[in-house]
C-alpha atoms as a PDB file:
ATOM      1  CA  MET A   1      88.947  91.660 144.711  1.00  0.00           C
ATOM      2  CA  ASN A   2      90.150  94.428 142.473  1.00  0.00           C
ATOM      3  CA  ARG A   3      91.056  93.527 138.547  1.00  0.00           C
ATOM      4  CA  THR A   4      91.601  95.027 135.713  1.00  0.00           C
ATOM      5  CA  TYR A   5      89.406  94.972 132.192  1.00  0.00           C
ATOM      6  CA  GLU A   6      89.356  96.368 128.828  1.00  0.00           C
ATOM      7  CA  VAL A   7      85.544  97.760 127.733  1.00  0.00           C
ATOM      8  CA  MET A   8      85.185  98.369 124.244  1.00  0.00           C
ATOM      9  CA  TYR A   9      81.936  98.459 122.915  1.00  0.00           C
ATOM     10  CA  ILE A  10      79.991 100.401 120.042  1.00  0.00           C
ATOM     11  CA  VAL A  11      77.741 102.582 119.749  1.00  0.00           C
ATOM     12  CA  ARG A  12      75.334 103.197 116.598  1.00  0.00           C
ATOM     13  CA  PRO A  13      76.631 105.592 114.156  1.00  0.00           C
ATOM     14  CA  ASP A  14      73.613 107.502 114.073  1.00  0.00           C
ATOM     15  CA  ILE A  15      73.677 108.951 117.891  1.00  0.00           C
ATOM     16  CA  ASP A  16      75.084 112.910 118.181  1.00  0.00           C
ATOM     17  CA  GLU A  17      78.413 114.231 120.228  1.00  0.00           C
ATOM     18  CA  ALA A  18      75.815 115.111 123.455  1.00  0.00           C
ATOM     19  CA  SER A  19      73.981 112.207 123.780  1.00  0.00           C
ATOM     20  CA  LEU A  20      77.515 109.951 122.953  1.00  0.00           C
ATOM     21  CA  ASP A  21      79.071 112.108 126.023  1.00  0.00           C
ATOM     22  CA  ALA A  22      76.074 111.252 128.137  1.00  0.00           C
ATOM     23  CA  LEU A  23      76.318 107.615 127.557  1.00  0.00           C
ATOM     24  CA  VAL A  24      79.857 107.208 128.185  1.00  0.00           C
ATOM     25  CA  GLU A  25      79.837 109.296 131.144  1.00  0.00           C
ATOM     26  CA  GLY A  26      77.063 106.502 132.343  1.00  0.00           C
ATOM     27  CA  PHE A  27      78.440 104.159 132.471  1.00  0.00           C
ATOM     28  CA  ASN A  28      81.380 105.538 133.803  1.00  0.00           C
ATOM     29  CA  ALA A  29      79.039 106.576 136.932  1.00  0.00           C
ATOM     30  CA  VAL A  30      78.150 102.959 137.696  1.00  0.00           C
ATOM     31  CA  VAL A  31      81.803 101.177 137.322  1.00  0.00           C
ATOM     32  CA  THR A  32      82.068 104.573 139.720  1.00  0.00           C
ATOM     33  CA  ASN A  33      78.726 104.225 142.067  1.00  0.00           C
ATOM     34  CA  GLY A  34      79.723 100.458 141.859  1.00  0.00           C
ATOM     35  CA  GLY A  35      83.269 100.950 144.425  1.00  0.00           C
ATOM     36  CA  GLY A  36      85.215 100.375 140.616  1.00  0.00           C
ATOM     37  CA  GLU A  37      87.432 102.837 138.687  1.00  0.00           C
ATOM     38  CA  VAL A  38      87.540 104.091 135.494  1.00  0.00           C
ATOM     39  CA  THR A  39      91.149 103.971 134.615  1.00  0.00           C
ATOM     40  CA  ASN A  40      90.580 105.369 131.143  1.00  0.00           C
ATOM     41  CA  ALA A  41      88.183 106.738 128.936  1.00  0.00           C
ATOM     42  CA  GLU A  42      88.686 107.053 125.008  1.00  0.00           C
ATOM     43  CA  LYS A  43      86.636 107.823 122.072  1.00  0.00           C
ATOM     44  CA  MET A  44      88.456 105.970 119.269  1.00  0.00           C
ATOM     45  CA  GLY A  45      85.422 106.914 116.791  1.00  0.00           C
ATOM     46  CA  ARG A  46      83.679 106.556 113.577  1.00  0.00           C
ATOM     47  CA  ARG A  47      84.881 102.688 112.217  1.00  0.00           C
ATOM     48  CA  ARG A  48      83.829 100.960 109.296  1.00  0.00           C
ATOM     49  CA  LEU A  49      82.451  97.890 110.948  1.00  0.00           C
ATOM     50  CA  ALA A  50      83.861  93.941 109.250  1.00  0.00           C
ATOM     51  CA  TYR A  51      80.517  92.565 109.445  1.00  0.00           C
ATOM     52  CA  THR A  52      77.261  94.061 109.719  1.00  0.00           C
ATOM     53  CA  VAL A  53      75.341  94.155 112.993  1.00  0.00           C
ATOM     54  CA  ARG A  54      72.125  95.525 113.944  1.00  0.00           C
ATOM     55  CA  LYS A  55      72.184  97.021 110.450  1.00  0.00           C
ATOM     56  CA  PHE A  56      74.762  98.739 110.531  1.00  0.00           C
ATOM     57  CA  GLN A  57      77.462  98.857 108.794  1.00  0.00           C
ATOM     58  CA  ASP A  58      79.442 102.207 110.740  1.00  0.00           C
ATOM     59  CA  GLY A  59      80.079 102.781 114.627  1.00  0.00           C
ATOM     60  CA  GLN A  60      81.958 104.895 117.466  1.00  0.00           C
ATOM     61  CA  PHE A  61      83.332 102.736 119.156  1.00  0.00           C
ATOM     62  CA  ILE A  62      84.904 103.586 122.953  1.00  0.00           C
ATOM     63  CA  LEU A  63      87.730 101.872 125.127  1.00  0.00           C
ATOM     64  CA  LEU A  64      87.326 102.025 128.727  1.00  0.00           C
ATOM     65  CA  THR A  65      90.214 100.898 130.873  1.00  0.00           C
ATOM     66  CA  ILE A  66      88.220 100.080 134.367  1.00  0.00           C
ATOM     67  CA  THR A  67      89.549  98.665 137.700  1.00  0.00           C
ATOM     68  CA  ALA A  68      86.808  97.378 139.590  1.00  0.00           C
ATOM     69  CA  ASP A  69      84.948  93.904 141.327  1.00  0.00           C
ATOM     70  CA  GLY A  70      83.287  91.333 139.394  1.00  0.00           C
ATOM     71  CA  LYS A  71      80.207  92.227 140.219  1.00  0.00           C
ATOM     72  CA  VAL A  72      80.802  96.080 139.692  1.00  0.00           C
ATOM     73  CA  VAL A  73      81.811  94.442 135.553  1.00  0.00           C
ATOM     74  CA  LEU A  74      78.977  92.622 135.423  1.00  0.00           C
ATOM     75  CA  GLU A  75      76.493  94.979 136.051  1.00  0.00           C
ATOM     76  CA  LEU A  76      78.290  97.442 133.683  1.00  0.00           C
ATOM     77  CA  GLU A  77      77.760  94.449 130.877  1.00  0.00           C
ATOM     78  CA  ARG A  78      73.730  94.547 131.717  1.00  0.00           C
ATOM     79  CA  ARG A  79      73.279  97.560 131.451  1.00  0.00           C
ATOM     80  CA  LEU A  80      75.330  97.753 128.638  1.00  0.00           C
ATOM     81  CA  ARG A  81      73.647  94.795 126.494  1.00  0.00           C
ATOM     82  CA  VAL A  82      69.947  97.127 128.040  1.00  0.00           C
ATOM     83  CA  THR A  83      71.162  99.527 126.186  1.00  0.00           C
ATOM     84  CA  GLU A  84      69.393 100.567 122.617  1.00  0.00           C
ATOM     85  CA  GLN A  85      72.411 102.273 121.787  1.00  0.00           C
ATOM     86  CA  VAL A  86      75.240 100.089 122.177  1.00  0.00           C
ATOM     87  CA  ILE A  87      75.185  97.820 119.130  1.00  0.00           C
ATOM     88  CA  LYS A  88      78.075  95.840 120.214  1.00  0.00           C
ATOM     89  CA  PHE A  89      80.589  94.963 123.600  1.00  0.00           C
ATOM     90  CA  ILE A  90      83.523  92.961 124.837  1.00  0.00           C
ATOM     91  CA  THR A  91      85.537  93.087 127.717  1.00  0.00           C
ATOM     92  CA  VAL A  92      88.199  91.261 128.423  1.00  0.00           C
ATOM     93  CA  ARG A  93      90.443  91.190 131.739  1.00  0.00           C
ATOM     94  CA  THR A  94      94.286  92.926 131.670  1.00  0.00           C
ATOM     95  CA  ASP A  95      95.264  92.140 135.072  1.00  0.00           C
ATOM     96  CA  GLU A  96      96.965  88.860 134.054  1.00  0.00           C
ATOM     97  CA  GLU A  97      98.121  89.972 131.285  1.00  0.00           C
ATOM     98  CA  ASN A  98     100.238  93.122 133.250  1.00  0.00           C
ATOM     99  CA  LYS A  99     101.556  90.375 135.598  1.00  0.00           C
ATOM    100  CA  ARG A 100     102.401  88.215 132.613  1.00  0.00           C
ATOM    101  CA  LEU A 101     104.272  91.425 130.245  1.00  0.00           C
ATOM    102  CA  ALA A 102     106.064  92.799 134.057  1.00  0.00           C
ATOM    103  CA  LYS A 103     107.326  89.470 134.231  1.00  0.00           C
ATOM    104  CA  VAL A 104     108.991  89.496 131.060  1.00  0.00           C
ATOM    105  CA  LYS A 105     109.984  93.265 131.686  1.00  0.00           C
ATOM    106  CA  LYS A 106     111.701  92.176 134.584  1.00  0.00           C
ATOM    107  CA  HIS A 107     113.124  89.229 133.300  1.00  0.00           C
ATOM    108  CA  ARG A 108     114.818  90.859 130.279  1.00  0.00           C
ATOM    109  CA  ASP A 109     116.023  93.864 132.443  1.00  0.00           C
ATOM    110  CA  ALA A 110     117.946  90.809 134.749  1.00  0.00           C
ATOM    111  CA  HIS A 111     119.988  89.447 131.483  1.00  0.00           C
ATOM    112  CA  LYS A 112     121.193  91.923 129.473  1.00  0.00           C
ATOM    113  CA  LYS A 113     123.098  91.090 126.206  1.00  0.00           C
ATOM    114  CA  VAL A 114     127.029  91.293 126.138  1.00  0.00           C
ATOM    115  CA  SER A 115     125.786  93.756 123.105  1.00  0.00           C
ATOM    116  CA  ASP A 116     124.192  96.241 125.435  1.00  0.00           C
ATOM    117  CA  GLN A 117     127.214  96.215 128.700  1.00  0.00           C
ATOM    118  CA  ARG A 118     129.656  97.578 125.986  1.00  0.00           C
ATOM    119  CA  PRO A 119     128.442  99.517 123.453  1.00  0.00           C
ATOM    120  CA  GLU A 120     132.033 100.898 122.499  1.00  0.00           C
ATOM    121  CA  ALA A 121     131.992  97.204 120.576  1.00  0.00           C
ATOM    122  CA  ALA A 122     128.519  98.012 119.320  1.00  0.00           C
ATOM    123  CA  SER A 123     129.041 101.179 117.883  1.00  0.00           C
ATOM    124  CA  THR A 124     132.147 100.553 115.639  1.00  0.00           C
ATOM    125  CA  PRO A 125     131.414  98.553 112.261  1.00  0.00           C
ATOM    126  CA  GLN A 126     133.195  95.991 110.892  1.00  0.00           C
ATOM    127  CA  ALA A 127     134.599  97.699 107.805  1.00  0.00           C
ATOM    128  CA  SER A 128     134.777  93.876 106.047  1.00  0.00           C
ATOM    129  CA  ILE A 129     130.964  93.532 106.541  1.00  0.00           C
ATOM    130  CA  THR A 130     129.975  96.730 105.540  1.00  0.00           C
ATOM    131  CA  GLU A 131     131.672  98.318 103.022  1.00  0.00           C
ATOM    132  CA  PRO A 132     131.870  96.729  99.353  1.00  0.00           C
ATOM    133  CA  VAL A 133     134.870  94.944  98.270  1.00  0.00           C
ATOM    134  CA  ALA A 134     136.317  96.593  95.311  1.00  0.00           C
ATOM    135  CA  ALA A 135     137.891  95.175  92.229  1.00  0.00           C
ATOM    136  CA  PRO A 136     141.716  95.858  92.102  1.00  0.00           C
ATOM    137  CA  PRO A 137     142.871  98.780  89.214  1.00  0.00           C
ATOM    138  CA  GLU A 138     144.930  96.831  87.209  1.00  0.00           C
ATOM    139  CA  THR A 139     141.067  94.550  86.339  1.00  0.00           C
ATOM    140  CA  VAL A 140     138.933  97.085  85.725  1.00  0.00           C
ATOM    141  CA  ALA A 141     141.658  99.176  83.568  1.00  0.00           C
ATOM    142  CA  ALA A 142     141.740  95.445  80.772  1.00  0.00           C
ATOM    143  CA  ALA A 143     138.206  95.343  80.761  1.00  0.00           C
ATOM    144  CA  PRO A 144     137.131  97.159  77.319  1.00  0.00           C
ATOM    145  CA  ALA A 145     134.511  99.908  77.049  1.00  0.00           C
ATOM    146  CA  GLU A 146     132.107  98.756  75.334  1.00  0.00           C
ATOM    147  CA  PRO A 147     131.968  94.888  74.104  1.00  0.00           C
ATOM    148  CA  VAL A 148     133.870  93.581  71.306  1.00  0.00           C
ATOM    149  CA  GLN A 149     131.720  91.315  68.781  1.00  0.00           C
ATOM    150  CA  ALA A 150     133.146  88.472  66.861  1.00  0.00           C
ATOM    151  CA  GLU A 151     132.866  88.841  63.658  1.00  0.00           C
ATOM    152  CA  PRO A 152     130.807  86.240  61.985  1.00  0.00           C
ATOM    153  CA  GLU A 153     133.020  83.659  59.925  1.00  0.00           C
ATOM    154  CA  GLN A 154     132.477  84.021  56.436  1.00  0.00           C
ATOM    155  CA  THR A 155     131.642  80.754  54.569  1.00  0.00           C
ATOM    156  CA  GLU A 156     133.215  80.185  50.936  1.00  0.00           C
ATOM    157  CA  ALA A 157     130.154  81.022  49.393  1.00  0.00           C
ATOM    158  CA  ALA A 158     129.811  84.390  50.460  1.00  0.00           C
ATOM    159  CA  ALA A 159     133.365  85.039  49.877  1.00  0.00           C
ATOM    160  CA  THR A 160     133.115  83.633  46.329  1.00  0.00           C
ATOM    161  CA  ALA A 161     130.212  85.990  45.639  1.00  0.00           C
ATOM    162  CA  ASN A 162     132.194  89.280  47.449  1.00  0.00           C
ATOM    163  CA  ALA A 163     135.608  88.729  45.052  1.00  0.00           C
END
């Protein structure tokens, strides 16, 4: 039974572009010769690794999206394991996740929100929420432009000294 898989593998950073292309084509051929199908082969470029892997700090990342049988995936993983240029790989089965996402999308499409059904109500904003409330004009006019400082009270000693 064919399932969908994502195979991410990291190739040594010191490999040249022609050798990298040949390596990717070789892994694609393993899948197609085994009866599988390569849906997507994406070179994600050279990136920094989170930790040192086989004395490498960088690596060239390649993502394969394939549809194949389990035996084909086992053979691909075996070849990834014995190939010296590949420093790390991971295989993830994505068909169950795709089914789950399709089910969620179908459920969401069946149950539309009330706001989606009435676009004219959603397009007119409420004035009280979106517009700031302004103070009445007479309150603004009564407020002084500069703050008034209170005059300090003079003590009797200061008053007699000034006199």
